[in-house]
Amino acid sequence: MNKIKRLINIDDVIELLPYPTEFMKFCKSNNLKPPNPNSGNGKALSAMLNFNDFYWNRVTCDLFVKKFDIKTKDSIQLFNKHEQWGIKTSGERGKNYIIYPYRLSNKHKMRKNFKFNGTERQKHEEIDKIKLNIKNDYIDIPNREWQLGHKNPESEDNMDTNLVLQPPIQAKYRDKYIFLDTLTKIPTPKTLKQLYENNDSPYTTEQLKELKEWCNKTVN
């Protein structure tokens, strides 16, 4: 279990250190390719790895790139994107650090040996089908045929904030899904229950536990 982290004091970061040997062994054994240590992402990663008892927030990220003259438009991006290439990070909003002992991220596990089950030609044919469906169902629908619906079908709120413009194809989802915007939707609690009972839940067991914990804390 990780120890409770403290916010890093940027004055303690005297120099840019190489990646720890243990980390490099972990990467080698798991076929991971960390960022170039001389890049902005690499320097940020090295700082997190070598100061593993601490976390980084936006302020300390800004101070870090300023101290070591690292060019970036958004300093925190150098610290919070490392799950993309394979290493497990905190997952805590506003607290960036590397999980120790080191663990693989789910994104790496999903991508490992991932490939389309077909030829390159078949892959492009499937992509073209999807693009054609989007064109037919969304792009080519005349404006006069678009409809106004509720974002949340189980709410009685008729304010503009609960209304959304949609093409007719979305009608079949309206009673079962909450629309965050025209395209993005999530199942209502009733629909999620049905999906789960039909062994078709979009969530993993760990995600359901996370939702349960959050709901208990929020509702209570």
C-alpha atoms as a PDB file:
ATOM      1  CA  MET A   1       0.000   0.000   0.000  1.00  0.00           C
ATOM      2  CA  ASN A   2       1.242   3.487  -0.828  1.00  0.00           C
ATOM      3  CA  LYS A   3       2.258   5.731   2.010  1.00  0.00           C
ATOM      4  CA  ILE A   4       0.417   9.010   2.436  1.00  0.00           C
ATOM      5  CA  LYS A   5       2.037  11.446   0.052  1.00  0.00           C
ATOM      6  CA  ARG A   6       3.103  14.985   0.863  1.00  0.00           C
ATOM      7  CA  LEU A   7       3.205  17.863  -1.584  1.00  0.00           C
ATOM      8  CA  ILE A   8       6.658  18.207  -3.092  1.00  0.00           C
ATOM      9  CA  ASN A   9       8.796  21.174  -2.087  1.00  0.00           C
ATOM     10  CA  ILE A  10      10.391  22.302  -5.326  1.00  0.00           C
ATOM     11  CA  ASP A  11      13.445  23.567  -3.401  1.00  0.00           C
ATOM     12  CA  ASP A  12      14.281  19.932  -2.610  1.00  0.00           C
ATOM     13  CA  VAL A  13      14.611  19.125  -6.310  1.00  0.00           C
ATOM     14  CA  ILE A  14      18.190  20.224  -6.809  1.00  0.00           C
ATOM     15  CA  GLU A  15      18.971  18.481 -10.083  1.00  0.00           C
ATOM     16  CA  LEU A  16      17.480  16.259 -12.761  1.00  0.00           C
ATOM     17  CA  LEU A  17      18.325  12.647 -11.961  1.00  0.00           C
ATOM     18  CA  PRO A  18      18.339   9.576 -14.233  1.00  0.00           C
ATOM     19  CA  TYR A  19      15.552   7.037 -14.047  1.00  0.00           C
ATOM     20  CA  PRO A  20      15.974   4.682 -11.049  1.00  0.00           C
ATOM     21  CA  THR A  21      17.548   1.302 -11.844  1.00  0.00           C
ATOM     22  CA  GLU A  22      14.542  -0.562 -10.415  1.00  0.00           C
ATOM     23  CA  PHE A  23      12.238   1.364 -12.731  1.00  0.00           C
ATOM     24  CA  MET A  24      14.359   0.565 -15.776  1.00  0.00           C
ATOM     25  CA  LYS A  25      14.322  -3.139 -14.878  1.00  0.00           C
ATOM     26  CA  PHE A  26      10.529  -2.991 -14.553  1.00  0.00           C
ATOM     27  CA  CYS A  27      10.237  -1.373 -17.992  1.00  0.00           C
ATOM     28  CA  LYS A  28      12.558  -3.938 -19.558  1.00  0.00           C
ATOM     29  CA  SER A  29      10.727  -6.914 -18.066  1.00  0.00           C
ATOM     30  CA  ASN A  30       7.365  -5.568 -19.271  1.00  0.00           C
ATOM     31  CA  ASN A  31       8.490  -4.305 -22.691  1.00  0.00           C
ATOM     32  CA  LEU A  32       7.665  -0.716 -21.786  1.00  0.00           C
ATOM     33  CA  LYS A  33       9.175   2.236 -23.592  1.00  0.00           C
ATOM     34  CA  PRO A  34       9.254   5.237 -21.245  1.00  0.00           C
ATOM     35  CA  PRO A  35       9.701   8.741 -22.664  1.00  0.00           C
ATOM     36  CA  ASN A  36      13.152   9.996 -23.537  1.00  0.00           C
ATOM     37  CA  PRO A  37      14.672  11.179 -20.218  1.00  0.00           C
ATOM     38  CA  ASN A  38      15.835  14.372 -21.955  1.00  0.00           C
ATOM     39  CA  SER A  39      12.301  15.293 -23.035  1.00  0.00           C
ATOM     40  CA  GLY A  40       9.892  17.345 -20.943  1.00  0.00           C
ATOM     41  CA  ASN A  41       7.802  14.253 -20.177  1.00  0.00           C
ATOM     42  CA  GLY A  42      10.947  12.317 -19.281  1.00  0.00           C
ATOM     43  CA  LYS A  43      12.220  14.984 -16.899  1.00  0.00           C
ATOM     44  CA  ALA A  44       8.830  15.166 -15.168  1.00  0.00           C
ATOM     45  CA  LEU A  45       8.672  11.364 -14.920  1.00  0.00           C
ATOM     46  CA  SER A  46      12.190  11.234 -13.471  1.00  0.00           C
ATOM     47  CA  ALA A  47      11.224  13.788 -10.825  1.00  0.00           C
ATOM     48  CA  MET A  48       8.165  11.755  -9.808  1.00  0.00           C
ATOM     49  CA  LEU A  49      10.160   8.523  -9.704  1.00  0.00           C
ATOM     50  CA  ASN A  50      13.022   9.952  -7.650  1.00  0.00           C
ATOM     51  CA  PHE A  51      10.714  11.751  -5.223  1.00  0.00           C
ATOM     52  CA  ASN A  52       8.175   8.973  -4.822  1.00  0.00           C
ATOM     53  CA  ASP A  53       7.059   9.965  -1.319  1.00  0.00           C
ATOM     54  CA  PHE A  54       5.576  13.161  -2.714  1.00  0.00           C
ATOM     55  CA  TYR A  55       2.855  14.251  -5.111  1.00  0.00           C
ATOM     56  CA  TRP A  56       2.789  17.066  -7.642  1.00  0.00           C
ATOM     57  CA  ASN A  57      -0.006  19.567  -8.247  1.00  0.00           C
ATOM     58  CA  ARG A  58      -0.390  22.296 -10.857  1.00  0.00           C
ATOM     59  CA  VAL A  59       1.584  24.839  -8.824  1.00  0.00           C
ATOM     60  CA  THR A  60       4.587  22.580  -8.279  1.00  0.00           C
ATOM     61  CA  CYS A  61       4.467  21.429 -11.911  1.00  0.00           C
ATOM     62  CA  ASP A  62       4.662  25.071 -13.005  1.00  0.00           C
ATOM     63  CA  LEU A  63       7.566  25.717 -10.616  1.00  0.00           C
ATOM     64  CA  PHE A  64       9.367  22.612 -11.884  1.00  0.00           C
ATOM     65  CA  VAL A  65       9.294  23.558 -15.576  1.00  0.00           C
ATOM     66  CA  LYS A  66      10.289  27.127 -14.710  1.00  0.00           C
ATOM     67  CA  LYS A  67      13.195  25.975 -12.525  1.00  0.00           C
ATOM     68  CA  PHE A  68      14.609  23.652 -15.186  1.00  0.00           C
ATOM     69  CA  ASP A  69      13.650  25.817 -18.172  1.00  0.00           C
ATOM     70  CA  ILE A  70      11.399  23.207 -19.790  1.00  0.00           C
ATOM     71  CA  LYS A  71       9.341  24.531 -22.685  1.00  0.00           C
ATOM     72  CA  THR A  72       5.669  23.530 -22.495  1.00  0.00           C
ATOM     73  CA  LYS A  73       2.234  25.118 -22.909  1.00  0.00           C
ATOM     74  CA  ASP A  74       0.803  23.178 -19.964  1.00  0.00           C
ATOM     75  CA  SER A  75       3.188  21.871 -17.311  1.00  0.00           C
ATOM     76  CA  ILE A  76       0.756  19.424 -15.720  1.00  0.00           C
ATOM     77  CA  GLN A  77       0.480  17.522 -19.005  1.00  0.00           C
ATOM     78  CA  LEU A  78       4.085  16.421 -18.494  1.00  0.00           C
ATOM     79  CA  PHE A  79       3.117  14.744 -15.216  1.00  0.00           C
ATOM     80  CA  ASN A  80      -0.344  13.264 -15.730  1.00  0.00           C
ATOM     81  CA  LYS A  81      -0.144  11.376 -19.055  1.00  0.00           C
ATOM     82  CA  HIS A  82       2.169   8.481 -18.164  1.00  0.00           C
ATOM     83  CA  GLU A  83      -0.562   5.840 -18.009  1.00  0.00           C
ATOM     84  CA  GLN A  84      -0.784   6.226 -21.783  1.00  0.00           C
ATOM     85  CA  TRP A  85       2.529   4.459 -22.349  1.00  0.00           C
ATOM     86  CA  GLY A  86       2.132   1.927 -19.554  1.00  0.00           C
ATOM     87  CA  ILE A  87       2.937   2.886 -15.947  1.00  0.00           C
ATOM     88  CA  LYS A  88       0.230   3.111 -13.269  1.00  0.00           C
ATOM     89  CA  THR A  89      -0.225   6.583 -11.770  1.00  0.00           C
ATOM     90  CA  SER A  90      -2.179   7.979  -8.837  1.00  0.00           C
ATOM     91  CA  GLY A  91      -5.572   8.512 -10.432  1.00  0.00           C
ATOM     92  CA  GLU A  92      -6.210  11.202  -7.801  1.00  0.00           C
ATOM     93  CA  ARG A  93      -7.417  14.516  -9.132  1.00  0.00           C
ATOM     94  CA  GLY A  94      -4.847  17.207  -8.411  1.00  0.00           C
ATOM     95  CA  LYS A  95      -2.268  14.741  -7.063  1.00  0.00           C
ATOM     96  CA  ASN A  96       0.203  13.324  -9.567  1.00  0.00           C
ATOM     97  CA  TYR A  97       2.613  10.543  -8.619  1.00  0.00           C
ATOM     98  CA  ILE A  98       3.739   7.089  -9.749  1.00  0.00           C
ATOM     99  CA  ILE A  99       2.276   4.074  -7.938  1.00  0.00           C
ATOM    100  CA  TYR A 100       4.954   2.092  -6.107  1.00  0.00           C
ATOM    101  CA  PRO A 101       5.675  -0.820  -6.255  1.00  0.00           C
ATOM    102  CA  TYR A 102       5.448  -0.184  -9.973  1.00  0.00           C
ATOM    103  CA  ARG A 103       2.379  -1.484 -11.779  1.00  0.00           C
ATOM    104  CA  LEU A 104       1.207  -1.624 -15.369  1.00  0.00           C
ATOM    105  CA  SER A 105      -1.616   0.697 -16.357  1.00  0.00           C
ATOM    106  CA  ASN A 106      -4.837  -0.720 -17.770  1.00  0.00           C
ATOM    107  CA  LYS A 107      -4.189   1.144 -21.035  1.00  0.00           C
ATOM    108  CA  HIS A 108      -0.991  -0.820 -21.546  1.00  0.00           C
ATOM    109  CA  LYS A 109      -2.765  -4.077 -20.775  1.00  0.00           C
ATOM    110  CA  MET A 110      -5.533  -3.242 -23.258  1.00  0.00           C
ATOM    111  CA  ARG A 111      -3.078  -2.394 -26.012  1.00  0.00           C
ATOM    112  CA  LYS A 112      -0.758  -5.349 -25.509  1.00  0.00           C
ATOM    113  CA  ASN A 113      -1.079  -7.676 -28.495  1.00  0.00           C
ATOM    114  CA  PHE A 114      -4.191  -5.726 -29.582  1.00  0.00           C
ATOM    115  CA  LYS A 115      -4.903  -6.075 -33.263  1.00  0.00           C
ATOM    116  CA  PHE A 116      -7.852  -6.072 -35.643  1.00  0.00           C
ATOM    117  CA  ASN A 117      -9.045  -9.612 -36.333  1.00  0.00           C
ATOM    118  CA  GLY A 118      -8.890  -9.352 -40.080  1.00  0.00           C
ATOM    119  CA  THR A 119      -6.837  -8.104 -43.016  1.00  0.00           C
ATOM    120  CA  GLU A 120      -5.783  -4.488 -43.480  1.00  0.00           C
ATOM    121  CA  ARG A 121      -8.344  -4.194 -46.263  1.00  0.00           C
ATOM    122  CA  GLN A 122     -11.129  -5.528 -44.012  1.00  0.00           C
ATOM    123  CA  LYS A 123     -10.147  -3.054 -41.297  1.00  0.00           C
ATOM    124  CA  HIS A 124     -10.486  -0.133 -43.701  1.00  0.00           C
ATOM    125  CA  GLU A 125     -13.812  -1.492 -44.983  1.00  0.00           C
ATOM    126  CA  GLU A 126     -15.143  -1.572 -41.389  1.00  0.00           C
ATOM    127  CA  ILE A 127     -13.913   1.972 -40.777  1.00  0.00           C
ATOM    128  CA  ASP A 128     -15.629   3.152 -43.954  1.00  0.00           C
ATOM    129  CA  LYS A 129     -18.895   1.520 -42.819  1.00  0.00           C
ATOM    130  CA  ILE A 130     -18.750   3.336 -39.492  1.00  0.00           C
ATOM    131  CA  LYS A 131     -17.987   6.649 -41.180  1.00  0.00           C
ATOM    132  CA  LEU A 132     -20.879   6.113 -43.604  1.00  0.00           C
ATOM    133  CA  ASN A 133     -23.279   5.392 -40.723  1.00  0.00           C
ATOM    134  CA  ILE A 134     -22.206   8.584 -38.973  1.00  0.00           C
ATOM    135  CA  LYS A 135     -22.667  10.537 -42.205  1.00  0.00           C
ATOM    136  CA  ASN A 136     -26.134   9.073 -42.887  1.00  0.00           C
ATOM    137  CA  ASP A 137     -27.440   9.253 -39.314  1.00  0.00           C
ATOM    138  CA  TYR A 138     -25.964  12.575 -38.191  1.00  0.00           C
ATOM    139  CA  ILE A 139     -24.295  14.725 -40.835  1.00  0.00           C
ATOM    140  CA  ASP A 140     -26.771  14.394 -43.718  1.00  0.00           C
ATOM    141  CA  ILE A 141     -29.932  14.766 -41.617  1.00  0.00           C
ATOM    142  CA  PRO A 142     -31.656  18.070 -42.567  1.00  0.00           C
ATOM    143  CA  ASN A 143     -31.828  20.585 -39.727  1.00  0.00           C
ATOM    144  CA  ARG A 144     -35.668  20.574 -39.854  1.00  0.00           C
ATOM    145  CA  GLU A 145     -35.667  16.897 -38.843  1.00  0.00           C
ATOM    146  CA  TRP A 146     -33.585  17.365 -35.726  1.00  0.00           C
ATOM    147  CA  GLN A 147     -35.570  17.116 -32.506  1.00  0.00           C
ATOM    148  CA  LEU A 148     -35.433  18.651 -29.057  1.00  0.00           C
ATOM    149  CA  GLY A 149     -35.198  16.169 -26.233  1.00  0.00           C
ATOM    150  CA  HIS A 150     -34.377  16.006 -22.541  1.00  0.00           C
ATOM    151  CA  LYS A 151     -30.821  15.242 -21.527  1.00  0.00           C
ATOM    152  CA  ASN A 152     -32.138  13.328 -18.533  1.00  0.00           C
ATOM    153  CA  PRO A 153     -35.358  11.411 -19.330  1.00  0.00           C
ATOM    154  CA  GLU A 154     -36.103  10.805 -15.641  1.00  0.00           C
ATOM    155  CA  SER A 155     -35.901  14.467 -14.695  1.00  0.00           C
ATOM    156  CA  GLU A 156     -38.831  16.916 -14.669  1.00  0.00           C
ATOM    157  CA  ASP A 157     -36.494  19.813 -15.391  1.00  0.00           C
ATOM    158  CA  ASN A 158     -37.610  21.801 -18.469  1.00  0.00           C
ATOM    159  CA  MET A 159     -34.835  24.374 -18.238  1.00  0.00           C
ATOM    160  CA  ASP A 160     -32.609  24.911 -21.272  1.00  0.00           C
ATOM    161  CA  THR A 161     -29.780  23.199 -19.427  1.00  0.00           C
ATOM    162  CA  ASN A 162     -31.720  19.901 -19.553  1.00  0.00           C
ATOM    163  CA  LEU A 163     -32.555  20.114 -23.256  1.00  0.00           C
ATOM    164  CA  VAL A 164     -30.503  18.854 -26.186  1.00  0.00           C
ATOM    165  CA  LEU A 165     -30.869  18.917 -29.977  1.00  0.00           C
ATOM    166  CA  GLN A 166     -30.616  15.486 -31.585  1.00  0.00           C
ATOM    167  CA  PRO A 167     -31.094  13.758 -34.936  1.00  0.00           C
ATOM    168  CA  PRO A 168     -33.943  11.177 -35.078  1.00  0.00           C
ATOM    169  CA  ILE A 169     -31.538   8.210 -34.655  1.00  0.00           C
ATOM    170  CA  GLN A 170     -31.141   9.161 -30.984  1.00  0.00           C
ATOM    171  CA  ALA A 171     -34.856   8.698 -30.257  1.00  0.00           C
ATOM    172  CA  LYS A 172     -34.403   5.000 -29.508  1.00  0.00           C
ATOM    173  CA  TYR A 173     -32.035   5.866 -26.657  1.00  0.00           C
ATOM    174  CA  ARG A 174     -33.994   8.711 -25.065  1.00  0.00           C
ATOM    175  CA  ASP A 175     -35.870   6.802 -22.385  1.00  0.00           C
ATOM    176  CA  LYS A 176     -32.872   4.726 -21.337  1.00  0.00           C
ATOM    177  CA  TYR A 177     -29.914   7.085 -21.475  1.00  0.00           C
ATOM    178  CA  ILE A 178     -28.853  10.437 -20.080  1.00  0.00           C
ATOM    179  CA  PHE A 179     -27.307  12.658 -22.734  1.00  0.00           C
ATOM    180  CA  LEU A 180     -24.343  14.767 -21.670  1.00  0.00           C
ATOM    181  CA  ASP A 181     -24.438  16.389 -25.098  1.00  0.00           C
ATOM    182  CA  THR A 182     -25.800  15.509 -28.546  1.00  0.00           C
ATOM    183  CA  LEU A 183     -23.495  12.504 -28.969  1.00  0.00           C
ATOM    184  CA  THR A 184     -22.291  11.492 -25.497  1.00  0.00           C
ATOM    185  CA  LYS A 185     -24.648   9.378 -23.412  1.00  0.00           C
ATOM    186  CA  ILE A 186     -24.561   7.273 -20.247  1.00  0.00           C
ATOM    187  CA  PRO A 187     -27.142   4.699 -19.087  1.00  0.00           C
ATOM    188  CA  THR A 188     -29.757   5.696 -16.524  1.00  0.00           C
ATOM    189  CA  PRO A 189     -29.601   3.725 -13.256  1.00  0.00           C
ATOM    190  CA  LYS A 190     -32.502   1.515 -14.434  1.00  0.00           C
ATOM    191  CA  THR A 191     -30.753   0.814 -17.727  1.00  0.00           C
ATOM    192  CA  LEU A 192     -27.458   0.087 -16.005  1.00  0.00           C
ATOM    193  CA  LYS A 193     -29.248  -2.395 -13.758  1.00  0.00           C
ATOM    194  CA  GLN A 194     -30.766  -4.113 -16.800  1.00  0.00           C
ATOM    195  CA  LEU A 195     -27.408  -4.229 -18.556  1.00  0.00           C
ATOM    196  CA  TYR A 196     -25.799  -5.763 -15.490  1.00  0.00           C
ATOM    197  CA  GLU A 197     -28.537  -8.375 -15.108  1.00  0.00           C
ATOM    198  CA  ASN A 198     -28.059  -9.272 -18.783  1.00  0.00           C
ATOM    199  CA  ASN A 199     -24.290  -9.637 -18.273  1.00  0.00           C
ATOM    200  CA  ASP A 200     -23.805  -6.634 -20.529  1.00  0.00           C
ATOM    201  CA  SER A 201     -22.572  -4.019 -18.057  1.00  0.00           C
ATOM    202  CA  PRO A 202     -20.160  -1.453 -19.549  1.00  0.00           C
ATOM    203  CA  TYR A 203     -18.322  -1.305 -16.204  1.00  0.00           C
ATOM    204  CA  THR A 204     -15.737  -3.640 -14.705  1.00  0.00           C
ATOM    205  CA  THR A 205     -16.229  -4.950 -11.168  1.00  0.00           C
ATOM    206  CA  GLU A 206     -13.611  -2.495  -9.907  1.00  0.00           C
ATOM    207  CA  GLN A 207     -15.429   0.403 -11.548  1.00  0.00           C
ATOM    208  CA  LEU A 208     -18.733  -0.678  -9.982  1.00  0.00           C
ATOM    209  CA  LYS A 209     -17.033  -0.735  -6.569  1.00  0.00           C
ATOM    210  CA  GLU A 210     -15.704   2.748  -7.239  1.00  0.00           C
ATOM    211  CA  LEU A 211     -19.208   3.948  -8.186  1.00  0.00           C
ATOM    212  CA  LYS A 212     -20.667   2.318  -5.070  1.00  0.00           C
ATOM    213  CA  GLU A 213     -18.122   4.013  -2.818  1.00  0.00           C
ATOM    214  CA  TRP A 214     -18.706   7.387  -4.456  1.00  0.00           C
ATOM    215  CA  CYS A 215     -22.522   7.044  -4.329  1.00  0.00           C
ATOM    216  CA  ASN A 216     -22.502   6.035  -0.665  1.00  0.00           C
ATOM    217  CA  LYS A 217     -20.308   9.000   0.194  1.00  0.00           C
ATOM    218  CA  THR A 218     -22.307  11.475  -1.910  1.00  0.00           C
ATOM    219  CA  VAL A 219     -25.855  10.398  -1.002  1.00  0.00           C
ATOM    220  CA  ASN A 220     -25.105   9.991   2.688  1.00  0.00           C
END
